[in-house]
Amino acid sequence: DNLPPVLIPKFAEVCLAGAGSYERVAMVCDIRGGENF
């Protein structure tokens, strides 16, 4: 929940390196992170 957008690519890399541990991932990014999307 509420992962800062700048961290999304890094988070995706972590999921890819998880050797199948993260096959289905959902993350929320909304107005709580600021109005600049």
Full PDB file with SEQRES, HELIX, SHEET, SSBOND, CRYST1, ORIGX, SCALE, CONECT and MASTER records, all heavy atoms in Angstrom:
SEQRES   1 A   37  ASP ASN LEU PRO PRO VAL LEU ILE PRO LYS PHE ALA GLU          
SEQRES   2 A   37  VAL CYS LEU ALA GLY ALA GLY SER TYR GLU ARG VAL ALA          
SEQRES   3 A   37  MET VAL CYS ASP ILE ARG GLY GLY GLU ASN PHE                  
HELIX    1 AA1 PRO A    5  LEU A    7  5                                   3    
HELIX    2 AA2 ILE A    8  LEU A   16  1                                   9    
HELIX    3 AA3 ILE A   31  GLY A   33  5                                   3    
CRYST1    1.000    1.000    1.000  90.00  90.00  90.00 P 1           1          
ORIGX1      1.000000  0.000000  0.000000        0.00000                         
ORIGX2      0.000000  1.000000  0.000000        0.00000                         
ORIGX3      0.000000  0.000000  1.000000        0.00000                         
SCALE1      1.000000  0.000000  0.000000        0.00000                         
SCALE2      0.000000  1.000000  0.000000        0.00000                         
SCALE3      0.000000  0.000000  1.000000        0.00000                         
ATOM      1  N   ASP A   1       0.821  -1.201   0.000  1.00  0.00           N  
ATOM      2  CA  ASP A   1       0.000   0.000   0.000  1.00  0.00           C  
ATOM      3  C   ASP A   1       0.860   1.259   0.000  1.00  0.00           C  
ATOM      4  O   ASP A   1       1.838   1.358   0.752  1.00  0.00           O  
ATOM      5  CB  ASP A   1      -0.904  -0.006   1.240  1.00  0.00           C  
ATOM      6  CG  ASP A   1      -1.908   1.134   1.224  1.00  0.00           C  
ATOM      7  OD1 ASP A   1      -2.306   1.564   0.126  1.00  0.00           O  
ATOM      8  OD2 ASP A   1      -2.297   1.593   2.311  1.00  0.00           O  
ATOM      9  N   ASN A   2       0.493   2.208  -0.870  1.00  0.00           N  
ATOM     10  CA  ASN A   2       1.076   3.559  -0.870  1.00  0.00           C  
ATOM     11  C   ASN A   2       2.590   3.559  -1.079  1.00  0.00           C  
ATOM     12  O   ASN A   2       3.325   4.268  -0.385  1.00  0.00           O  
ATOM     13  CB  ASN A   2       0.730   4.273   0.451  1.00  0.00           C  
ATOM     14  CG  ASN A   2       0.831   5.786   0.318  1.00  0.00           C  
ATOM     15  OD1 ASN A   2       0.734   6.337  -0.777  1.00  0.00           O  
ATOM     16  ND2 ASN A   2       1.040   6.460   1.439  1.00  0.00           N  
ATOM     17  N   LEU A   3       3.064   2.796  -2.037  1.00  0.00           N  
ATOM     18  CA  LEU A   3       4.482   2.798  -2.367  1.00  0.00           C  
ATOM     19  C   LEU A   3       4.804   4.058  -3.173  1.00  0.00           C  
ATOM     20  O   LEU A   3       4.122   4.368  -4.150  1.00  0.00           O  
ATOM     21  CB  LEU A   3       4.838   1.560  -3.194  1.00  0.00           C  
ATOM     22  CG  LEU A   3       6.315   1.312  -3.469  1.00  0.00           C  
ATOM     23  CD1 LEU A   3       7.027   0.907  -2.178  1.00  0.00           C  
ATOM     24  CD2 LEU A   3       6.479   0.210  -4.517  1.00  0.00           C  
ATOM     25  N   PRO A   4       5.840   4.822  -2.801  1.00  0.00           N  
ATOM     26  CA  PRO A   4       6.204   6.009  -3.592  1.00  0.00           C  
ATOM     27  C   PRO A   4       6.521   5.626  -5.033  1.00  0.00           C  
ATOM     28  O   PRO A   4       7.214   4.625  -5.278  1.00  0.00           O  
ATOM     29  CB  PRO A   4       7.444   6.542  -2.873  1.00  0.00           C  
ATOM     30  CG  PRO A   4       7.329   6.023  -1.481  1.00  0.00           C  
ATOM     31  CD  PRO A   4       6.679   4.674  -1.600  1.00  0.00           C  
ATOM     32  N   PRO A   5       6.038   6.395  -6.006  1.00  0.00           N  
ATOM     33  CA  PRO A   5       6.248   6.031  -7.415  1.00  0.00           C  
ATOM     34  C   PRO A   5       7.708   5.816  -7.787  1.00  0.00           C  
ATOM     35  O   PRO A   5       8.016   4.939  -8.599  1.00  0.00           O  
ATOM     36  CB  PRO A   5       5.650   7.228  -8.167  1.00  0.00           C  
ATOM     37  CG  PRO A   5       4.634   7.785  -7.237  1.00  0.00           C  
ATOM     38  CD  PRO A   5       5.183   7.585  -5.858  1.00  0.00           C  
ATOM     39  N   VAL A   6       8.612   6.586  -7.188  1.00  0.00           N  
ATOM     40  CA  VAL A   6      10.020   6.463  -7.541  1.00  0.00           C  
ATOM     41  C   VAL A   6      10.565   5.070  -7.207  1.00  0.00           C  
ATOM     42  O   VAL A   6      11.557   4.622  -7.799  1.00  0.00           O  
ATOM     43  CB  VAL A   6      10.846   7.566  -6.832  1.00  0.00           C  
ATOM     44  CG1 VAL A   6      10.893   7.318  -5.326  1.00  0.00           C  
ATOM     45  CG2 VAL A   6      12.255   7.644  -7.411  1.00  0.00           C  
ATOM     46  N   LEU A   7       9.918   4.380  -6.286  1.00  0.00           N  
ATOM     47  CA  LEU A   7      10.391   3.052  -5.872  1.00  0.00           C  
ATOM     48  C   LEU A   7       9.784   1.915  -6.681  1.00  0.00           C  
ATOM     49  O   LEU A   7      10.180   0.758  -6.511  1.00  0.00           O  
ATOM     50  CB  LEU A   7      10.095   2.839  -4.384  1.00  0.00           C  
ATOM     51  CG  LEU A   7      10.793   3.773  -3.393  1.00  0.00           C  
ATOM     52  CD1 LEU A   7      10.388   3.415  -1.969  1.00  0.00           C  
ATOM     53  CD2 LEU A   7      12.306   3.687  -3.560  1.00  0.00           C  
ATOM     54  N   ILE A   8       8.818   2.221  -7.530  1.00  0.00           N  
ATOM     55  CA  ILE A   8       8.128   1.155  -8.259  1.00  0.00           C  
ATOM     56  C   ILE A   8       9.077   0.336  -9.136  1.00  0.00           C  
ATOM     57  O   ILE A   8       9.051  -0.900  -9.098  1.00  0.00           O  
ATOM     58  CB  ILE A   8       6.962   1.736  -9.086  1.00  0.00           C  
ATOM     59  CG1 ILE A   8       5.875   2.261  -8.143  1.00  0.00           C  
ATOM     60  CG2 ILE A   8       6.379   0.678 -10.021  1.00  0.00           C  
ATOM     61  CD1 ILE A   8       4.712   2.928  -8.850  1.00  0.00           C  
ATOM     62  N   PRO A   9       9.946   0.957  -9.952  1.00  0.00           N  
ATOM     63  CA  PRO A   9      10.862   0.128 -10.765  1.00  0.00           C  
ATOM     64  C   PRO A   9      11.774  -0.755  -9.904  1.00  0.00           C  
ATOM     65  O   PRO A   9      12.022  -1.917 -10.261  1.00  0.00           O  
ATOM     66  CB  PRO A   9      11.660   1.165 -11.564  1.00  0.00           C  
ATOM     67  CG  PRO A   9      10.760   2.367 -11.627  1.00  0.00           C  
ATOM     68  CD  PRO A   9      10.065   2.390 -10.296  1.00  0.00           C  
ATOM     69  N   LYS A  10      12.284  -0.212  -8.795  1.00  0.00           N  
ATOM     70  CA  LYS A  10      13.142  -1.014  -7.918  1.00  0.00           C  
ATOM     71  C   LYS A  10      12.355  -2.171  -7.311  1.00  0.00           C  
ATOM     72  O   LYS A  10      12.864  -3.288  -7.189  1.00  0.00           O  
ATOM     73  CB  LYS A  10      13.719  -0.140  -6.808  1.00  0.00           C  
ATOM     74  CG  LYS A  10      14.744   0.872  -7.288  1.00  0.00           C  
ATOM     75  CD  LYS A  10      15.994   0.173  -7.806  1.00  0.00           C  
ATOM     76  CE  LYS A  10      17.059   1.193  -8.216  1.00  0.00           C  
ATOM     77  NZ  LYS A  10      18.263   0.528  -8.792  1.00  0.00           N  
ATOM     78  N   PHE A  11      11.125  -1.886  -6.934  1.00  0.00           N  
ATOM     79  CA  PHE A  11      10.278  -2.921  -6.367  1.00  0.00           C  
ATOM     80  C   PHE A  11      10.020  -4.013  -7.398  1.00  0.00           C  
ATOM     81  O   PHE A  11      10.025  -5.209  -7.075  1.00  0.00           O  
ATOM     82  CB  PHE A  11       8.967  -2.316  -5.881  1.00  0.00           C  
ATOM     83  CG  PHE A  11       8.004  -3.309  -5.303  1.00  0.00           C  
ATOM     84  CD1 PHE A  11       8.342  -4.057  -4.190  1.00  0.00           C  
ATOM     85  CD2 PHE A  11       6.747  -3.489  -5.868  1.00  0.00           C  
ATOM     86  CE1 PHE A  11       7.458  -4.978  -3.651  1.00  0.00           C  
ATOM     87  CE2 PHE A  11       5.857  -4.389  -5.341  1.00  0.00           C  
ATOM     88  CZ  PHE A  11       6.212  -5.139  -4.226  1.00  0.00           C  
ATOM     89  N   ALA A  12       9.800  -3.622  -8.645  1.00  0.00           N  
ATOM     90  CA  ALA A  12       9.607  -4.605  -9.714  1.00  0.00           C  
ATOM     91  C   ALA A  12      10.845  -5.481  -9.882  1.00  0.00           C  
ATOM     92  O   ALA A  12      10.737  -6.703 -10.087  1.00  0.00           O  
ATOM     93  CB  ALA A  12       9.271  -3.891 -11.019  1.00  0.00           C  
ATOM     94  N   GLU A  13      12.030  -4.878  -9.785  1.00  0.00           N  
ATOM     95  CA  GLU A  13      13.264  -5.661  -9.890  1.00  0.00           C  
ATOM     96  C   GLU A  13      13.373  -6.670  -8.760  1.00  0.00           C  
ATOM     97  O   GLU A  13      13.796  -7.816  -8.967  1.00  0.00           O  
ATOM     98  CB  GLU A  13      14.469  -4.720  -9.876  1.00  0.00           C  
ATOM     99  CG  GLU A  13      14.599  -3.848 -11.130  1.00  0.00           C  
ATOM    100  CD  GLU A  13      15.774  -2.886 -11.020  1.00  0.00           C  
ATOM    101  OE1 GLU A  13      16.442  -2.884  -9.957  1.00  0.00           O  
ATOM    102  OE2 GLU A  13      16.017  -2.130 -11.987  1.00  0.00           O  
ATOM    103  N   VAL A  14      12.997  -6.248  -7.560  1.00  0.00           N  
ATOM    104  CA  VAL A  14      13.016  -7.165  -6.411  1.00  0.00           C  
ATOM    105  C   VAL A  14      12.073  -8.334  -6.646  1.00  0.00           C  
ATOM    106  O   VAL A  14      12.412  -9.492  -6.360  1.00  0.00           O  
ATOM    107  CB  VAL A  14      12.642  -6.414  -5.120  1.00  0.00           C  
ATOM    108  CG1 VAL A  14      12.435  -7.391  -3.964  1.00  0.00           C  
ATOM    109  CG2 VAL A  14      13.713  -5.399  -4.760  1.00  0.00           C  
ATOM    110  N   CYS A  15      10.895  -8.045  -7.170  1.00  0.00           N  
ATOM    111  CA  CYS A  15       9.932  -9.112  -7.442  1.00  0.00           C  
ATOM    112  C   CYS A  15      10.463 -10.091  -8.479  1.00  0.00           C  
ATOM    113  O   CYS A  15      10.312 -11.309  -8.348  1.00  0.00           O  
ATOM    114  CB  CYS A  15       8.600  -8.517  -7.912  1.00  0.00           C  
ATOM    115  SG  CYS A  15       7.734  -7.560  -6.645  1.00  0.00           S  
ATOM    116  N   LEU A  16      11.106  -9.551  -9.518  1.00  0.00           N  
ATOM    117  CA  LEU A  16      11.676 -10.414 -10.550  1.00  0.00           C  
ATOM    118  C   LEU A  16      12.792 -11.298 -10.009  1.00  0.00           C  
ATOM    119  O   LEU A  16      12.966 -12.434 -10.441  1.00  0.00           O  
ATOM    120  CB  LEU A  16      12.208  -9.562 -11.707  1.00  0.00           C  
ATOM    121  CG  LEU A  16      11.172  -8.963 -12.658  1.00  0.00           C  
ATOM    122  CD1 LEU A  16      11.857  -8.040 -13.658  1.00  0.00           C  
ATOM    123  CD2 LEU A  16      10.416 -10.067 -13.383  1.00  0.00           C  
ATOM    124  N   ALA A  17      13.541 -10.755  -9.062  1.00  0.00           N  
ATOM    125  CA  ALA A  17      14.668 -11.513  -8.489  1.00  0.00           C  
ATOM    126  C   ALA A  17      14.222 -12.486  -7.409  1.00  0.00           C  
ATOM    127  O   ALA A  17      15.049 -13.210  -6.844  1.00  0.00           O  
ATOM    128  CB  ALA A  17      15.700 -10.547  -7.903  1.00  0.00           C  
ATOM    129  N   GLY A  18      12.931 -12.517  -7.142  1.00  0.00           N  
ATOM    130  CA  GLY A  18      12.437 -13.347  -6.054  1.00  0.00           C  
ATOM    131  C   GLY A  18      12.291 -14.803  -6.376  1.00  0.00           C  
ATOM    132  O   GLY A  18      11.782 -15.568  -5.558  1.00  0.00           O  
ATOM    133  N   ALA A  19      12.725 -15.224  -7.554  1.00  0.00           N  
ATOM    134  CA  ALA A  19      12.715 -16.645  -7.944  1.00  0.00           C  
ATOM    135  C   ALA A  19      11.339 -17.278  -7.744  1.00  0.00           C  
ATOM    136  O   ALA A  19      11.200 -18.353  -7.167  1.00  0.00           O  
ATOM    137  CB  ALA A  19      13.775 -17.409  -7.148  1.00  0.00           C  
ATOM    138  N   GLY A  20      10.318 -16.587  -8.221  1.00  0.00           N  
ATOM    139  CA  GLY A  20       8.965 -17.135  -8.148  1.00  0.00           C  
ATOM    140  C   GLY A  20       8.227 -16.843  -6.872  1.00  0.00           C  
ATOM    141  O   GLY A  20       7.071 -17.263  -6.715  1.00  0.00           O  
ATOM    142  N   SER A  21       8.844 -16.123  -5.936  1.00  0.00           N  
ATOM    143  CA  SER A  21       8.173 -15.825  -4.662  1.00  0.00           C  
ATOM    144  C   SER A  21       7.079 -14.785  -4.817  1.00  0.00           C  
ATOM    145  O   SER A  21       6.180 -14.691  -3.983  1.00  0.00           O  
ATOM    146  CB  SER A  21       9.194 -15.329  -3.635  1.00  0.00           C  
ATOM    147  OG  SER A  21      10.182 -16.311  -3.392  1.00  0.00           O  
ATOM    148  N   TYR A  22       7.162 -13.979  -5.876  1.00  0.00           N  
ATOM    149  CA  TYR A  22       6.189 -12.907  -6.081  1.00  0.00           C  
ATOM    150  C   TYR A  22       5.574 -13.058  -7.469  1.00  0.00           C  
ATOM    151  O   TYR A  22       5.869 -12.297  -8.382  1.00  0.00           O  
ATOM    152  CB  TYR A  22       6.842 -11.541  -5.944  1.00  0.00           C  
ATOM    153  CG  TYR A  22       7.553 -11.328  -4.621  1.00  0.00           C  
ATOM    154  CD1 TYR A  22       8.930 -11.476  -4.517  1.00  0.00           C  
ATOM    155  CD2 TYR A  22       6.843 -10.984  -3.483  1.00  0.00           C  
ATOM    156  CE1 TYR A  22       9.580 -11.292  -3.300  1.00  0.00           C  
ATOM    157  CE2 TYR A  22       7.484 -10.795  -2.269  1.00  0.00           C  
ATOM    158  CZ  TYR A  22       8.848 -10.945  -2.188  1.00  0.00           C  
ATOM    159  OH  TYR A  22       9.491 -10.766  -0.987  1.00  0.00           O  
ATOM    160  N   GLU A  23       4.710 -14.050  -7.625  1.00  0.00           N  
ATOM    161  CA  GLU A  23       4.108 -14.302  -8.930  1.00  0.00           C  
ATOM    162  C   GLU A  23       2.940 -13.369  -9.216  1.00  0.00           C  
ATOM    163  O   GLU A  23       2.632 -13.083 -10.359  1.00  0.00           O  
ATOM    164  CB  GLU A  23       3.639 -15.761  -9.010  1.00  0.00           C  
ATOM    165  CG  GLU A  23       4.775 -16.762  -9.163  1.00  0.00           C  
ATOM    166  CD  GLU A  23       5.579 -16.522 -10.425  1.00  0.00           C  
ATOM    167  OE1 GLU A  23       4.974 -16.252 -11.486  1.00  0.00           O  
ATOM    168  OE2 GLU A  23       6.815 -16.580 -10.349  1.00  0.00           O  
ATOM    169  N   ARG A  24       2.277 -12.894  -8.159  1.00  0.00           N  
ATOM    170  CA  ARG A  24       1.116 -12.007  -8.321  1.00  0.00           C  
ATOM    171  C   ARG A  24       1.263 -10.879  -7.318  1.00  0.00           C  
ATOM    172  O   ARG A  24       1.219 -11.091  -6.109  1.00  0.00           O  
ATOM    173  CB  ARG A  24      -0.183 -12.776  -8.104  1.00  0.00           C  
ATOM    174  CG  ARG A  24      -0.299 -14.020  -8.972  1.00  0.00           C  
ATOM    175  CD  ARG A  24      -1.469 -14.865  -8.564  1.00  0.00           C  
ATOM    176  NE  ARG A  24      -2.721 -14.310  -9.051  1.00  0.00           N  
ATOM    177  CZ  ARG A  24      -3.916 -14.614  -8.543  1.00  0.00           C  
ATOM    178  NH1 ARG A  24      -4.010 -15.414  -7.504  1.00  0.00           N  
ATOM    179  NH2 ARG A  24      -5.009 -14.104  -9.060  1.00  0.00           N  
ATOM    180  N   VAL A  25       1.429  -9.665  -7.838  1.00  0.00           N  
ATOM    181  CA  VAL A  25       1.721  -8.505  -6.995  1.00  0.00           C  
ATOM    182  C   VAL A  25       0.732  -7.395  -7.323  1.00  0.00           C  
ATOM    183  O   VAL A  25       0.433  -7.124  -8.489  1.00  0.00           O  
ATOM    184  CB  VAL A  25       3.161  -8.011  -7.213  1.00  0.00           C  
ATOM    185  CG1 VAL A  25       3.426  -6.753  -6.399  1.00  0.00           C  
ATOM    186  CG2 VAL A  25       4.171  -9.110  -6.859  1.00  0.00           C  
ATOM    187  N   ALA A  26       0.224  -6.745  -6.269  1.00  0.00           N  
ATOM    188  CA  ALA A  26      -0.629  -5.561  -6.451  1.00  0.00           C  
ATOM    189  C   ALA A  26      -0.136  -4.470  -5.514  1.00  0.00           C  
ATOM    190  O   ALA A  26       0.198  -4.733  -4.358  1.00  0.00           O  
ATOM    191  CB  ALA A  26      -2.088  -5.893  -6.145  1.00  0.00           C  
ATOM    192  N   MET A  27      -0.063  -3.251  -6.011  1.00  0.00           N  
ATOM    193  CA  MET A  27       0.401  -2.129  -5.195  1.00  0.00           C  
ATOM    194  C   MET A  27      -0.471  -0.909  -5.457  1.00  0.00           C  
ATOM    195  O   MET A  27      -0.961  -0.700  -6.566  1.00  0.00           O  
ATOM    196  CB  MET A  27       1.860  -1.809  -5.487  1.00  0.00           C  
ATOM    197  CG  MET A  27       2.190  -1.638  -6.952  1.00  0.00           C  
ATOM    198  SD  MET A  27       3.584  -0.564  -7.205  1.00  0.00           S  
ATOM    199  CE  MET A  27       2.921   0.975  -6.618  1.00  0.00           C  
ATOM    200  N   VAL A  28      -0.684  -0.128  -4.396  1.00  0.00           N  
ATOM    201  CA  VAL A  28      -1.519   1.062  -4.487  1.00  0.00           C  
ATOM    202  C   VAL A  28      -0.648   2.298  -4.642  1.00  0.00           C  
ATOM    203  O   VAL A  28       0.350   2.461  -3.944  1.00  0.00           O  
ATOM    204  CB  VAL A  28      -2.403   1.212  -3.235  1.00  0.00           C  
ATOM    205  CG1 VAL A  28      -3.130   2.559  -3.254  1.00  0.00           C  
ATOM    206  CG2 VAL A  28      -3.406   0.084  -3.153  1.00  0.00           C  
ATOM    207  N   CYS A  29      -1.041   3.171  -5.569  1.00  0.00           N  
ATOM    208  CA  CYS A  29      -0.410   4.480  -5.722  1.00  0.00           C  
ATOM    209  C   CYS A  29      -1.543   5.479  -5.937  1.00  0.00           C  
ATOM    210  O   CYS A  29      -2.276   5.387  -6.927  1.00  0.00           O  
ATOM    211  CB  CYS A  29       0.555   4.485  -6.903  1.00  0.00           C  
ATOM    212  SG  CYS A  29       1.487   6.018  -7.077  1.00  0.00           S  
ATOM    213  N   ASP A  30      -1.692   6.418  -4.991  1.00  0.00           N  
ATOM    214  CA  ASP A  30      -2.830   7.332  -5.083  1.00  0.00           C  
ATOM    215  C   ASP A  30      -2.463   8.726  -4.581  1.00  0.00           C  
ATOM    216  O   ASP A  30      -1.279   9.057  -4.445  1.00  0.00           O  
ATOM    217  CB  ASP A  30      -4.039   6.763  -4.339  1.00  0.00           C  
ATOM    218  CG  ASP A  30      -3.737   6.441  -2.876  1.00  0.00           C  
ATOM    219  OD1 ASP A  30      -2.814   7.057  -2.308  1.00  0.00           O  
ATOM    220  OD2 ASP A  30      -4.424   5.580  -2.306  1.00  0.00           O  
ATOM    221  N   ILE A  31      -3.466   9.532  -4.286  1.00  0.00           N  
ATOM    222  CA  ILE A  31      -3.273  10.946  -3.967  1.00  0.00           C  
ATOM    223  C   ILE A  31      -2.463  11.145  -2.686  1.00  0.00           C  
ATOM    224  O   ILE A  31      -1.890  12.217  -2.459  1.00  0.00           O  
ATOM    225  CB  ILE A  31      -4.651  11.644  -3.841  1.00  0.00           C  
ATOM    226  CG1 ILE A  31      -4.520  13.157  -3.999  1.00  0.00           C  
ATOM    227  CG2 ILE A  31      -5.318  11.293  -2.529  1.00  0.00           C  
ATOM    228  CD1 ILE A  31      -4.179  13.589  -5.391  1.00  0.00           C  
ATOM    229  N   ARG A  32      -2.389  10.120  -1.837  1.00  0.00           N  
ATOM    230  CA  ARG A  32      -1.616  10.258  -0.607  1.00  0.00           C  
ATOM    231  C   ARG A  32      -0.143  10.496  -0.888  1.00  0.00           C  
ATOM    232  O   ARG A  32       0.590  11.035  -0.055  1.00  0.00           O  
ATOM    233  CB  ARG A  32      -1.784   9.014   0.264  1.00  0.00           C  
ATOM    234  CG  ARG A  32      -3.165   8.855   0.858  1.00  0.00           C  
ATOM    235  CD  ARG A  32      -3.316   7.492   1.515  1.00  0.00           C  
ATOM    236  NE  ARG A  32      -3.202   6.409   0.548  1.00  0.00           N  
ATOM    237  CZ  ARG A  32      -3.096   5.128   0.874  1.00  0.00           C  
ATOM    238  NH1 ARG A  32      -3.074   4.765   2.147  1.00  0.00           N  
ATOM    239  NH2 ARG A  32      -3.013   4.208  -0.054  1.00  0.00           N  
ATOM    240  N   GLY A  33       0.307  10.092  -2.092  1.00  0.00           N  
ATOM    241  CA  GLY A  33       1.706  10.299  -2.456  1.00  0.00           C  
ATOM    242  C   GLY A  33       1.977  11.685  -3.011  1.00  0.00           C  
ATOM    243  O   GLY A  33       3.105  11.987  -3.411  1.00  0.00           O  
ATOM    244  N   GLY A  34       0.969  12.554  -3.057  1.00  0.00           N  
ATOM    245  CA  GLY A  34       1.129  13.904  -3.595  1.00  0.00           C  
ATOM    246  C   GLY A  34       0.349  14.063  -4.878  1.00  0.00           C  
ATOM    247  O   GLY A  34       0.003  13.089  -5.546  1.00  0.00           O  
ATOM    248  N   GLU A  35       0.070  15.303  -5.244  1.00  0.00           N  
ATOM    249  CA  GLU A  35      -0.773  15.575  -6.409  1.00  0.00           C  
ATOM    250  C   GLU A  35      -0.032  15.458  -7.734  1.00  0.00           C  
ATOM    251  O   GLU A  35      -0.656  15.417  -8.793  1.00  0.00           O  
ATOM    252  CB  GLU A  35      -1.378  16.982  -6.292  1.00  0.00           C  
ATOM    253  CG  GLU A  35      -2.389  17.124  -5.178  1.00  0.00           C  
ATOM    254  CD  GLU A  35      -3.144  18.432  -5.269  1.00  0.00           C  
ATOM    255  OE1 GLU A  35      -3.241  18.975  -6.389  1.00  0.00           O  
ATOM    256  OE2 GLU A  35      -3.634  18.910  -4.241  1.00  0.00           O  
ATOM    257  N   ASN A  36       1.281  15.421  -7.711  1.00  0.00           N  
ATOM    258  CA  ASN A  36       2.052  15.335  -8.950  1.00  0.00           C  
ATOM    259  C   ASN A  36       2.251  13.875  -9.331  1.00  0.00           C  
ATOM    260  O   ASN A  36       3.002  13.153  -8.688  1.00  0.00           O  
ATOM    261  CB  ASN A  36       3.406  16.032  -8.780  1.00  0.00           C  
ATOM    262  CG  ASN A  36       4.163  16.116 -10.096  1.00  0.00           C  
ATOM    263  OD1 ASN A  36       3.779  15.510 -11.095  1.00  0.00           O  
ATOM    264  ND2 ASN A  36       5.243  16.889 -10.100  1.00  0.00           N  
ATOM    265  N   PHE A  37       1.560  13.459 -10.391  1.00  0.00           N  
ATOM    266  CA  PHE A  37       1.657  12.065 -10.811  1.00  0.00           C  
ATOM    267  C   PHE A  37       2.671  11.860 -11.925  1.00  0.00           C  
ATOM    268  O   PHE A  37       2.711  10.792 -12.534  1.00  0.00           O  
ATOM    269  CB  PHE A  37       0.274  11.546 -11.241  1.00  0.00           C  
ATOM    270  CG  PHE A  37      -0.563  11.112 -10.069  1.00  0.00           C  
ATOM    271  CD1 PHE A  37      -1.404  12.014  -9.452  1.00  0.00           C  
ATOM    272  CD2 PHE A  37      -0.479   9.830  -9.559  1.00  0.00           C  
ATOM    273  CE1 PHE A  37      -2.163  11.645  -8.371  1.00  0.00           C  
ATOM    274  CE2 PHE A  37      -1.230   9.447  -8.473  1.00  0.00           C  
ATOM    275  CZ  PHE A  37      -2.081  10.356  -7.872  1.00  0.00           C  
TER     276      PHE A  37                                                      
MASTER        0    0    0    3    0    0    0    6  275    1    0    3          
END                                                                             
